Amino acid sequence: MEEGMNVLHDFGIQSTHYLQVNYQDSQDWFILVSVIADLRNAFYVLFPIWFHLQEAVGIKLLWVAVIGDWLNLVFKWILFGQRPYWWVLDTDYYSNTSVPLIKQFPVTCETGPGKDKADLQISVLECHFVVGILGCAAECLSVTNLPCCSFSSSSCCWSPVSFAIGFYLLLKGLGVDLLWTLEKAQRWCEQPEWVHIDTTPFASLLKNLGTLFGLGLALNSSMYRESCKGKLSKWLPFRLSSIVASLVLLHVFDSLKPPSQVELVFYVLSFCKSAVVPLASVSVIPYCLAQVLGQPHKKSL
């Protein structure tokens, strides 16, 4: 089993080395693709756009992103995946040959477990496959009508997160070191400042929990009912203004990084930051715009 995994990791390393050697001129393009494909954009860019264009689609998009990230988190914990940048330096697989030179970047030094991502075609097909399945599931379940979106007594909203927390505690109780990847990242990453605590599995778990909490809070707020359920919500200038204001505010908000010196403080602030994203996009920003644009719109009628 270990030998088979080593061969798989080596394939990823060799693919990465080939791309870095033969496509150096496309380095900026590859980094741009990595940035654009970051899941963060689903929360900070795609969600506010689609929510104000087609509310149901925006909510489904957020659920697909959260559930997809949750599945990614659980599978990483189960498979104990190796990151290429530390595996190539930590393994004895190349004891009889020269170790391939892999160039590192600021986006390389993730601290959570993972897999080789050098094979771009496999990664793209995998993403389309997973997103397609989750999209169909969201459509079939009609997630906009789930009890969790209205904070009812049903616990369906918290079941994915509860499972992840329970799985985390189970592995912890079995003596599994769930922070083993953090030690490897700090050891093998070329620049210490490239190692970010927000890429740990527990940070991802809290972000998802905060996102769901913020979404439920926003959909049940009086600000949402007054701004997004009235006649003004059907007015195109109001929708476009909500999109622009949301994108600008969330871009500024995303640039604010919680201090990571104290882990507990960082995790609490990460939870709050994730909750603010849907709360601001769904209720606060539309409500403020409704107060500004509401009176002129009424006079024009």
C-alpha atoms as a PDB file:
ATOM      1  CA  MET A   1       0.000   0.000   0.000  1.00  0.00           C
ATOM      2  CA  GLU A   2       2.757   2.407   0.987  1.00  0.00           C
ATOM      3  CA  GLU A   3       4.732   1.576  -2.139  1.00  0.00           C
ATOM      4  CA  GLY A   4       1.697   2.277  -4.285  1.00  0.00           C
ATOM      5  CA  MET A   5       1.151   5.636  -2.601  1.00  0.00           C
ATOM      6  CA  ASN A   6       4.814   6.494  -3.097  1.00  0.00           C
ATOM      7  CA  VAL A   7       4.471   5.816  -6.819  1.00  0.00           C
ATOM      8  CA  LEU A   8       1.389   8.045  -6.927  1.00  0.00           C
ATOM      9  CA  HIS A   9       3.161  10.837  -5.051  1.00  0.00           C
ATOM     10  CA  ASP A  10       6.183  10.486  -7.325  1.00  0.00           C
ATOM     11  CA  PHE A  11       3.945  10.877 -10.370  1.00  0.00           C
ATOM     12  CA  GLY A  12       2.660  14.146  -8.932  1.00  0.00           C
ATOM     13  CA  ILE A  13       6.181  15.333  -8.155  1.00  0.00           C
ATOM     14  CA  GLN A  14       7.446  14.492 -11.632  1.00  0.00           C
ATOM     15  CA  SER A  15       4.441  16.239 -13.199  1.00  0.00           C
ATOM     16  CA  THR A  16       5.027  19.316 -11.083  1.00  0.00           C
ATOM     17  CA  HIS A  17       8.728  19.330 -11.955  1.00  0.00           C
ATOM     18  CA  TYR A  18       7.930  18.989 -15.663  1.00  0.00           C
ATOM     19  CA  LEU A  19       5.495  21.910 -15.599  1.00  0.00           C
ATOM     20  CA  GLN A  20       7.862  24.146 -13.649  1.00  0.00           C
ATOM     21  CA  VAL A  21      10.792  23.418 -15.971  1.00  0.00           C
ATOM     22  CA  ASN A  22       9.010  23.505 -19.333  1.00  0.00           C
ATOM     23  CA  TYR A  23       6.392  26.168 -18.671  1.00  0.00           C
ATOM     24  CA  GLN A  24       8.303  28.784 -16.701  1.00  0.00           C
ATOM     25  CA  ASP A  25       6.884  31.539 -18.893  1.00  0.00           C
ATOM     26  CA  SER A  26       3.371  30.499 -17.831  1.00  0.00           C
ATOM     27  CA  GLN A  27       4.156  30.719 -14.118  1.00  0.00           C
ATOM     28  CA  ASP A  28       2.032  33.826 -13.574  1.00  0.00           C
ATOM     29  CA  TRP A  29      -0.862  32.220 -15.439  1.00  0.00           C
ATOM     30  CA  PHE A  30      -0.761  29.096 -13.267  1.00  0.00           C
ATOM     31  CA  ILE A  31      -0.700  31.231 -10.115  1.00  0.00           C
ATOM     32  CA  LEU A  32      -3.620  33.279 -11.443  1.00  0.00           C
ATOM     33  CA  VAL A  33      -5.616  30.088 -12.066  1.00  0.00           C
ATOM     34  CA  SER A  34      -4.877  28.932  -8.511  1.00  0.00           C
ATOM     35  CA  VAL A  35      -6.069  32.253  -7.101  1.00  0.00           C
ATOM     36  CA  ILE A  36      -9.235  32.307  -9.225  1.00  0.00           C
ATOM     37  CA  ALA A  37     -10.042  28.683  -8.343  1.00  0.00           C
ATOM     38  CA  ASP A  38      -9.694  29.420  -4.620  1.00  0.00           C
ATOM     39  CA  LEU A  39     -12.864  28.423  -2.764  1.00  0.00           C
ATOM     40  CA  ARG A  40     -12.808  31.813  -1.055  1.00  0.00           C
ATOM     41  CA  ASN A  41     -14.110  33.368  -4.273  1.00  0.00           C
ATOM     42  CA  ALA A  42     -17.319  31.344  -3.976  1.00  0.00           C
ATOM     43  CA  PHE A  43     -18.077  33.182  -0.729  1.00  0.00           C
ATOM     44  CA  TYR A  44     -16.693  36.643  -1.471  1.00  0.00           C
ATOM     45  CA  VAL A  45     -17.474  36.987  -5.199  1.00  0.00           C
ATOM     46  CA  LEU A  46     -19.880  34.434  -6.652  1.00  0.00           C
ATOM     47  CA  PHE A  47     -22.332  34.287  -3.756  1.00  0.00           C
ATOM     48  CA  PRO A  48     -23.176  38.020  -3.550  1.00  0.00           C
ATOM     49  CA  ILE A  49     -23.515  38.215  -7.345  1.00  0.00           C
ATOM     50  CA  TRP A  50     -25.844  35.253  -7.706  1.00  0.00           C
ATOM     51  CA  PHE A  51     -27.819  35.966  -4.554  1.00  0.00           C
ATOM     52  CA  HIS A  52     -28.916  39.368  -5.818  1.00  0.00           C
ATOM     53  CA  LEU A  53     -29.529  38.098  -9.361  1.00  0.00           C
ATOM     54  CA  GLN A  54     -31.272  34.843  -8.442  1.00  0.00           C
ATOM     55  CA  GLU A  55     -31.640  34.339  -4.711  1.00  0.00           C
ATOM     56  CA  ALA A  56     -32.262  30.577  -4.795  1.00  0.00           C
ATOM     57  CA  VAL A  57     -29.191  29.983  -6.967  1.00  0.00           C
ATOM     58  CA  GLY A  58     -27.023  32.050  -4.621  1.00  0.00           C
ATOM     59  CA  ILE A  59     -28.130  30.061  -1.580  1.00  0.00           C
ATOM     60  CA  LYS A  60     -27.583  26.749  -3.371  1.00  0.00           C
ATOM     61  CA  LEU A  61     -24.138  27.931  -4.444  1.00  0.00           C
ATOM     62  CA  LEU A  62     -23.222  28.668  -0.833  1.00  0.00           C
ATOM     63  CA  TRP A  63     -24.446  25.268   0.302  1.00  0.00           C
ATOM     64  CA  VAL A  64     -22.521  23.471  -2.440  1.00  0.00           C
ATOM     65  CA  ALA A  65     -19.348  25.343  -1.438  1.00  0.00           C
ATOM     66  CA  VAL A  66     -19.802  24.522   2.261  1.00  0.00           C
ATOM     67  CA  ILE A  67     -20.685  20.854   1.734  1.00  0.00           C
ATOM     68  CA  GLY A  68     -17.900  20.427  -0.823  1.00  0.00           C
ATOM     69  CA  ASP A  69     -15.356  21.928   1.556  1.00  0.00           C
ATOM     70  CA  TRP A  70     -16.707  19.773   4.387  1.00  0.00           C
ATOM     71  CA  LEU A  71     -16.309  16.589   2.312  1.00  0.00           C
ATOM     72  CA  ASN A  72     -12.818  17.720   1.337  1.00  0.00           C
ATOM     73  CA  LEU A  73     -11.997  18.178   5.023  1.00  0.00           C
ATOM     74  CA  VAL A  74     -13.262  14.725   6.059  1.00  0.00           C
ATOM     75  CA  PHE A  75     -11.539  12.922   3.184  1.00  0.00           C
ATOM     76  CA  LYS A  76      -8.259  14.647   3.986  1.00  0.00           C
ATOM     77  CA  TRP A  77      -8.502  13.487   7.583  1.00  0.00           C
ATOM     78  CA  ILE A  78      -9.275   9.932   6.477  1.00  0.00           C
ATOM     79  CA  LEU A  79      -6.626   9.647   3.754  1.00  0.00           C
ATOM     80  CA  PHE A  80      -3.826  11.555   5.543  1.00  0.00           C
ATOM     81  CA  GLY A  81      -2.744  13.050   2.242  1.00  0.00           C
ATOM     82  CA  GLN A  82       0.783  14.314   1.692  1.00  0.00           C
ATOM     83  CA  ARG A  83       1.539  17.731   0.218  1.00  0.00           C
ATOM     84  CA  PRO A  84       4.099  17.502  -2.620  1.00  0.00           C
ATOM     85  CA  TYR A  85       6.337  20.267  -1.295  1.00  0.00           C
ATOM     86  CA  TRP A  86       7.012  18.478   1.982  1.00  0.00           C
ATOM     87  CA  TRP A  87       6.742  14.861   0.808  1.00  0.00           C
ATOM     88  CA  VAL A  88       9.572  15.233  -1.716  1.00  0.00           C
ATOM     89  CA  LEU A  89      11.878  16.477   1.053  1.00  0.00           C
ATOM     90  CA  ASP A  90      10.637  14.166   3.794  1.00  0.00           C
ATOM     91  CA  THR A  91      10.525  10.805   2.003  1.00  0.00           C
ATOM     92  CA  ASP A  92      13.307   8.240   1.536  1.00  0.00           C
ATOM     93  CA  TYR A  93      11.806   7.228  -1.825  1.00  0.00           C
ATOM     94  CA  TYR A  94      14.611   9.042  -3.628  1.00  0.00           C
ATOM     95  CA  SER A  95      17.431   7.577  -1.533  1.00  0.00           C
ATOM     96  CA  ASN A  96      19.071   6.048  -4.622  1.00  0.00           C
ATOM     97  CA  THR A  97      18.367   8.903  -7.023  1.00  0.00           C
ATOM     98  CA  SER A  98      18.507  12.667  -7.010  1.00  0.00           C
ATOM     99  CA  VAL A  99      15.560  14.451  -5.410  1.00  0.00           C
ATOM    100  CA  PRO A 100      13.491  16.434  -7.956  1.00  0.00           C
ATOM    101  CA  LEU A 101      13.700  20.172  -7.342  1.00  0.00           C
ATOM    102  CA  ILE A 102      10.247  21.609  -6.683  1.00  0.00           C
ATOM    103  CA  LYS A 103       9.868  25.372  -6.550  1.00  0.00           C
ATOM    104  CA  GLN A 104       7.658  26.732  -3.782  1.00  0.00           C
ATOM    105  CA  PHE A 105       5.303  29.717  -3.822  1.00  0.00           C
ATOM    106  CA  PRO A 106       3.274  31.601  -1.176  1.00  0.00           C
ATOM    107  CA  VAL A 107       0.177  29.587  -2.131  1.00  0.00           C
ATOM    108  CA  THR A 108       2.098  26.297  -1.903  1.00  0.00           C
ATOM    109  CA  CYS A 109       2.612  26.035   1.857  1.00  0.00           C
ATOM    110  CA  GLU A 110      -0.805  24.854   2.972  1.00  0.00           C
ATOM    111  CA  THR A 111      -0.807  23.295   6.436  1.00  0.00           C
ATOM    112  CA  GLY A 112      -3.610  20.772   5.982  1.00  0.00           C
ATOM    113  CA  PRO A 113      -3.316  17.274   4.527  1.00  0.00           C
ATOM    114  CA  GLY A 114      -3.908  17.013   0.803  1.00  0.00           C
ATOM    115  CA  LYS A 115      -2.941  15.328  -2.411  1.00  0.00           C
ATOM    116  CA  ASP A 116      -0.756  16.038  -5.395  1.00  0.00           C
ATOM    117  CA  LYS A 117      -2.344  18.702  -7.568  1.00  0.00           C
ATOM    118  CA  ALA A 118       0.183  18.871 -10.331  1.00  0.00           C
ATOM    119  CA  ASP A 119      -1.955  16.957 -12.784  1.00  0.00           C
ATOM    120  CA  LEU A 120      -4.149  19.864 -13.859  1.00  0.00           C
ATOM    121  CA  GLN A 121      -6.423  17.789 -16.091  1.00  0.00           C
ATOM    122  CA  ILE A 122      -7.258  15.349 -13.307  1.00  0.00           C
ATOM    123  CA  SER A 123      -7.884  18.186 -10.861  1.00  0.00           C
ATOM    124  CA  VAL A 124     -10.183  20.030 -13.271  1.00  0.00           C
ATOM    125  CA  LEU A 125     -12.194  16.900 -14.096  1.00  0.00           C
ATOM    126  CA  GLU A 126     -12.423  16.043 -10.428  1.00  0.00           C
ATOM    127  CA  CYS A 127     -13.732  19.526  -9.556  1.00  0.00           C
ATOM    128  CA  HIS A 128     -16.367  19.391 -12.324  1.00  0.00           C
ATOM    129  CA  PHE A 129     -17.456  15.934 -11.180  1.00  0.00           C
ATOM    130  CA  VAL A 130     -17.826  16.885  -7.524  1.00  0.00           C
ATOM    131  CA  VAL A 131     -19.504  20.216  -8.228  1.00  0.00           C
ATOM    132  CA  GLY A 132     -21.903  18.510 -10.619  1.00  0.00           C
ATOM    133  CA  ILE A 133     -22.929  15.939  -8.023  1.00  0.00           C
ATOM    134  CA  LEU A 134     -23.341  18.538  -5.286  1.00  0.00           C
ATOM    135  CA  GLY A 135     -25.274  20.814  -7.619  1.00  0.00           C
ATOM    136  CA  CYS A 136     -27.709  18.027  -8.485  1.00  0.00           C
ATOM    137  CA  ALA A 137     -28.059  17.187  -4.796  1.00  0.00           C
ATOM    138  CA  ALA A 138     -28.796  20.819  -3.958  1.00  0.00           C
ATOM    139  CA  GLU A 139     -31.391  20.941  -6.720  1.00  0.00           C
ATOM    140  CA  CYS A 140     -33.084  17.744  -5.586  1.00  0.00           C
ATOM    141  CA  LEU A 141     -33.083  18.747  -1.936  1.00  0.00           C
ATOM    142  CA  SER A 142     -34.165  22.321  -2.695  1.00  0.00           C
ATOM    143  CA  VAL A 143     -31.811  23.657  -0.036  1.00  0.00           C
ATOM    144  CA  THR A 144     -33.537  27.028   0.028  1.00  0.00           C
ATOM    145  CA  ASN A 145     -36.445  25.302   1.757  1.00  0.00           C
ATOM    146  CA  LEU A 146     -34.457  23.248   4.235  1.00  0.00           C
ATOM    147  CA  PRO A 147     -35.505  23.763   7.865  1.00  0.00           C
ATOM    148  CA  CYS A 148     -31.976  24.816   8.749  1.00  0.00           C
ATOM    149  CA  CYS A 149     -32.346  27.960   6.655  1.00  0.00           C
ATOM    150  CA  SER A 150     -35.098  29.122   8.954  1.00  0.00           C
ATOM    151  CA  PHE A 151     -33.506  28.050  12.242  1.00  0.00           C
ATOM    152  CA  SER A 152     -36.287  25.613  13.080  1.00  0.00           C
ATOM    153  CA  SER A 153     -35.924  22.813  15.580  1.00  0.00           C
ATOM    154  CA  SER A 154     -34.446  20.568  12.901  1.00  0.00           C
ATOM    155  CA  SER A 155     -30.757  19.871  13.246  1.00  0.00           C
ATOM    156  CA  CYS A 156     -30.099  19.260   9.532  1.00  0.00           C
ATOM    157  CA  CYS A 157     -28.192  22.520   9.293  1.00  0.00           C
ATOM    158  CA  TRP A 158     -25.562  21.379  11.744  1.00  0.00           C
ATOM    159  CA  SER A 159     -25.352  17.689  10.817  1.00  0.00           C
ATOM    160  CA  PRO A 160     -22.360  18.029   8.434  1.00  0.00           C
ATOM    161  CA  VAL A 161     -20.429  20.180  10.886  1.00  0.00           C
ATOM    162  CA  SER A 162     -21.443  17.991  13.840  1.00  0.00           C
ATOM    163  CA  PHE A 163     -20.206  14.923  11.978  1.00  0.00           C
ATOM    164  CA  ALA A 164     -16.882  16.614  11.213  1.00  0.00           C
ATOM    165  CA  ILE A 165     -16.463  17.664  14.859  1.00  0.00           C
ATOM    166  CA  GLY A 166     -17.372  14.161  16.032  1.00  0.00           C
ATOM    167  CA  PHE A 167     -14.938  12.626  13.575  1.00  0.00           C
ATOM    168  CA  TYR A 168     -12.249  15.038  14.764  1.00  0.00           C
ATOM    169  CA  LEU A 169     -12.840  14.046  18.410  1.00  0.00           C
ATOM    170  CA  LEU A 170     -12.862  10.342  17.479  1.00  0.00           C
ATOM    171  CA  LEU A 171      -9.465  10.550  15.769  1.00  0.00           C
ATOM    172  CA  LYS A 172      -8.179  12.630  18.657  1.00  0.00           C
ATOM    173  CA  GLY A 173      -9.390  10.014  21.132  1.00  0.00           C
ATOM    174  CA  LEU A 174      -7.656   7.273  19.126  1.00  0.00           C
ATOM    175  CA  GLY A 175      -4.373   9.111  19.571  1.00  0.00           C
ATOM    176  CA  VAL A 176      -4.119  10.396  16.017  1.00  0.00           C
ATOM    177  CA  ASP A 177      -2.099  13.598  15.786  1.00  0.00           C
ATOM    178  CA  LEU A 178      -4.346  15.791  13.659  1.00  0.00           C
ATOM    179  CA  LEU A 179      -1.783  18.582  13.549  1.00  0.00           C
ATOM    180  CA  TRP A 180       0.974  16.423  12.055  1.00  0.00           C
ATOM    181  CA  THR A 181       0.750  18.411   8.837  1.00  0.00           C
ATOM    182  CA  LEU A 182       1.411  21.707  10.605  1.00  0.00           C
ATOM    183  CA  GLU A 183       4.767  20.442  11.849  1.00  0.00           C
ATOM    184  CA  LYS A 184       5.726  19.315   8.341  1.00  0.00           C
ATOM    185  CA  ALA A 185       4.669  22.655   6.823  1.00  0.00           C
ATOM    186  CA  GLN A 186       6.711  24.607   9.352  1.00  0.00           C
ATOM    187  CA  ARG A 187       9.694  22.314   8.782  1.00  0.00           C
ATOM    188  CA  TRP A 188       9.802  22.152   4.985  1.00  0.00           C
ATOM    189  CA  CYS A 189       8.305  25.412   3.755  1.00  0.00           C
ATOM    190  CA  GLU A 190      11.060  27.693   2.439  1.00  0.00           C
ATOM    191  CA  GLN A 191       9.590  30.879   3.945  1.00  0.00           C
ATOM    192  CA  PRO A 192       8.074  30.759   7.461  1.00  0.00           C
ATOM    193  CA  GLU A 193       5.713  33.622   6.605  1.00  0.00           C
ATOM    194  CA  TRP A 194       4.117  31.458   3.895  1.00  0.00           C
ATOM    195  CA  VAL A 195       2.766  29.044   6.514  1.00  0.00           C
ATOM    196  CA  HIS A 196      -0.744  30.197   7.417  1.00  0.00           C
ATOM    197  CA  ILE A 197      -2.854  28.779  10.216  1.00  0.00           C
ATOM    198  CA  ASP A 198      -6.024  29.481   8.241  1.00  0.00           C
ATOM    199  CA  THR A 199      -5.277  26.470   6.010  1.00  0.00           C
ATOM    200  CA  THR A 200      -5.554  23.979   8.901  1.00  0.00           C
ATOM    201  CA  PRO A 201      -8.549  21.593   8.833  1.00  0.00           C
ATOM    202  CA  PHE A 202      -9.987  23.019  12.066  1.00  0.00           C
ATOM    203  CA  ALA A 203      -9.906  26.548  10.656  1.00  0.00           C
ATOM    204  CA  SER A 204     -11.802  25.293   7.598  1.00  0.00           C
ATOM    205  CA  LEU A 205     -14.375  23.639   9.850  1.00  0.00           C
ATOM    206  CA  LEU A 206     -15.004  26.860  11.768  1.00  0.00           C
ATOM    207  CA  LYS A 207     -15.285  28.870   8.541  1.00  0.00           C
ATOM    208  CA  ASN A 208     -18.030  26.543   7.293  1.00  0.00           C
ATOM    209  CA  LEU A 209     -19.846  26.699  10.604  1.00  0.00           C
ATOM    210  CA  GLY A 210     -19.646  30.492  10.616  1.00  0.00           C
ATOM    211  CA  THR A 211     -20.933  30.691   7.042  1.00  0.00           C
ATOM    212  CA  LEU A 212     -23.998  28.572   7.811  1.00  0.00           C
ATOM    213  CA  PHE A 213     -24.665  30.507  10.990  1.00  0.00           C
ATOM    214  CA  GLY A 214     -24.417  33.851   9.197  1.00  0.00           C
ATOM    215  CA  LEU A 215     -26.670  32.673   6.367  1.00  0.00           C
ATOM    216  CA  GLY A 216     -29.373  31.463   8.743  1.00  0.00           C
ATOM    217  CA  LEU A 217     -29.146  34.641  10.800  1.00  0.00           C
ATOM    218  CA  ALA A 218     -29.404  36.822   7.708  1.00  0.00           C
ATOM    219  CA  LEU A 219     -32.387  35.006   6.183  1.00  0.00           C
ATOM    220  CA  ASN A 220     -34.317  35.390   9.422  1.00  0.00           C
ATOM    221  CA  SER A 221     -33.444  39.033  10.076  1.00  0.00           C
ATOM    222  CA  SER A 222     -35.917  41.889   9.829  1.00  0.00           C
ATOM    223  CA  MET A 223     -33.468  43.744   7.587  1.00  0.00           C
ATOM    224  CA  TYR A 224     -33.677  40.941   5.012  1.00  0.00           C
ATOM    225  CA  ARG A 225     -37.486  40.875   5.110  1.00  0.00           C
ATOM    226  CA  GLU A 226     -37.734  44.627   4.658  1.00  0.00           C
ATOM    227  CA  SER A 227     -35.201  44.971   1.844  1.00  0.00           C
ATOM    228  CA  CYS A 228     -35.163  41.727  -0.136  1.00  0.00           C
ATOM    229  CA  LYS A 229     -38.804  40.725   0.100  1.00  0.00           C
ATOM    230  CA  GLY A 230     -40.386  44.034  -0.880  1.00  0.00           C
ATOM    231  CA  LYS A 231     -41.106  45.601  -4.261  1.00  0.00           C
ATOM    232  CA  LEU A 232     -37.747  47.354  -4.227  1.00  0.00           C
ATOM    233  CA  SER A 233     -35.949  44.002  -4.512  1.00  0.00           C
ATOM    234  CA  LYS A 234     -37.348  43.578  -8.038  1.00  0.00           C
ATOM    235  CA  TRP A 235     -35.888  46.914  -9.146  1.00  0.00           C
ATOM    236  CA  LEU A 236     -32.777  46.250 -11.291  1.00  0.00           C
ATOM    237  CA  PRO A 237     -30.772  49.309 -10.099  1.00  0.00           C
ATOM    238  CA  PHE A 238     -31.289  48.147  -6.515  1.00  0.00           C
ATOM    239  CA  ARG A 239     -29.977  44.663  -7.337  1.00  0.00           C
ATOM    240  CA  LEU A 240     -26.951  45.976  -9.213  1.00  0.00           C
ATOM    241  CA  SER A 241     -26.188  48.428  -6.405  1.00  0.00           C
ATOM    242  CA  SER A 242     -26.372  45.582  -3.881  1.00  0.00           C
ATOM    243  CA  ILE A 243     -23.947  43.500  -5.949  1.00  0.00           C
ATOM    244  CA  VAL A 244     -21.414  46.311  -6.353  1.00  0.00           C
ATOM    245  CA  ALA A 245     -21.612  47.366  -2.703  1.00  0.00           C
ATOM    246  CA  SER A 246     -21.284  43.751  -1.529  1.00  0.00           C
ATOM    247  CA  LEU A 247     -18.258  43.057  -3.719  1.00  0.00           C
ATOM    248  CA  VAL A 248     -16.469  46.233  -2.611  1.00  0.00           C
ATOM    249  CA  LEU A 249     -17.190  45.767   1.093  1.00  0.00           C
ATOM    250  CA  LEU A 250     -16.343  42.055   1.089  1.00  0.00           C
ATOM    251  CA  HIS A 251     -13.095  42.716  -0.790  1.00  0.00           C
ATOM    252  CA  VAL A 252     -12.062  45.168   1.931  1.00  0.00           C
ATOM    253  CA  PHE A 253     -13.257  42.760   4.614  1.00  0.00           C
ATOM    254  CA  ASP A 254     -11.333  39.854   3.063  1.00  0.00           C
ATOM    255  CA  SER A 255      -8.118  41.865   3.238  1.00  0.00           C
ATOM    256  CA  LEU A 256      -8.427  42.012   7.037  1.00  0.00           C
ATOM    257  CA  LYS A 257      -6.560  39.047   8.485  1.00  0.00           C
ATOM    258  CA  PRO A 258      -7.234  37.909  12.083  1.00  0.00           C
ATOM    259  CA  PRO A 259      -4.127  37.887  14.287  1.00  0.00           C
ATOM    260  CA  SER A 260      -2.687  34.378  14.488  1.00  0.00           C
ATOM    261  CA  GLN A 261      -0.456  34.737  17.540  1.00  0.00           C
ATOM    262  CA  VAL A 262      -3.116  33.167  19.792  1.00  0.00           C
ATOM    263  CA  GLU A 263      -4.887  30.235  18.129  1.00  0.00           C
ATOM    264  CA  LEU A 264      -8.111  30.523  20.149  1.00  0.00           C
ATOM    265  CA  VAL A 265      -8.504  34.198  19.253  1.00  0.00           C
ATOM    266  CA  PHE A 266      -7.763  33.428  15.611  1.00  0.00           C
ATOM    267  CA  TYR A 267     -10.383  30.674  15.425  1.00  0.00           C
ATOM    268  CA  VAL A 268     -13.056  32.812  17.104  1.00  0.00           C
ATOM    269  CA  LEU A 269     -12.390  35.741  14.781  1.00  0.00           C
ATOM    270  CA  SER A 270     -12.360  33.419  11.747  1.00  0.00           C
ATOM    271  CA  PHE A 271     -15.792  32.142  12.747  1.00  0.00           C
ATOM    272  CA  CYS A 272     -17.107  35.690  13.127  1.00  0.00           C
ATOM    273  CA  LYS A 273     -15.541  36.796   9.841  1.00  0.00           C
ATOM    274  CA  SER A 274     -17.157  33.914   7.961  1.00  0.00           C
ATOM    275  CA  ALA A 275     -20.535  34.673   9.533  1.00  0.00           C
ATOM    276  CA  VAL A 276     -20.343  38.330   8.516  1.00  0.00           C
ATOM    277  CA  VAL A 277     -19.956  37.499   4.790  1.00  0.00           C
ATOM    278  CA  PRO A 278     -23.499  36.171   4.175  1.00  0.00           C
ATOM    279  CA  LEU A 279     -24.934  38.438   6.864  1.00  0.00           C
ATOM    280  CA  ALA A 280     -23.617  41.546   5.123  1.00  0.00           C
ATOM    281  CA  SER A 281     -24.508  40.420   1.604  1.00  0.00           C
ATOM    282  CA  VAL A 282     -27.993  39.152   2.406  1.00  0.00           C
ATOM    283  CA  SER A 283     -29.311  41.647   4.946  1.00  0.00           C
ATOM    284  CA  VAL A 284     -27.107  44.548   6.049  1.00  0.00           C
ATOM    285  CA  ILE A 285     -26.040  45.949   2.660  1.00  0.00           C
ATOM    286  CA  PRO A 286     -29.469  45.579   0.954  1.00  0.00           C
ATOM    287  CA  TYR A 287     -31.160  47.149   3.983  1.00  0.00           C
ATOM    288  CA  CYS A 288     -28.837  50.164   3.951  1.00  0.00           C
ATOM    289  CA  LEU A 289     -29.312  50.610   0.214  1.00  0.00           C
ATOM    290  CA  ALA A 290     -33.066  50.274   0.607  1.00  0.00           C
ATOM    291  CA  GLN A 291     -33.047  53.165   3.058  1.00  0.00           C
ATOM    292  CA  VAL A 292     -31.084  55.289   0.576  1.00  0.00           C
ATOM    293  CA  LEU A 293     -32.818  54.260  -2.644  1.00  0.00           C
ATOM    294  CA  GLY A 294     -36.267  53.608  -1.248  1.00  0.00           C
ATOM    295  CA  GLN A 295     -37.529  57.177  -1.132  1.00  0.00           C
ATOM    296  CA  PRO A 296     -36.459  58.201  -4.690  1.00  0.00           C
ATOM    297  CA  HIS A 297     -37.921  54.955  -6.015  1.00  0.00           C
ATOM    298  CA  LYS A 298     -41.262  55.632  -4.339  1.00  0.00           C
ATOM    299  CA  LYS A 299     -41.405  59.172  -5.731  1.00  0.00           C
ATOM    300  CA  SER A 300     -40.730  57.882  -9.240  1.00  0.00           C
ATOM    301  CA  LEU A 301     -43.696  55.564  -8.899  1.00  0.00           C
END
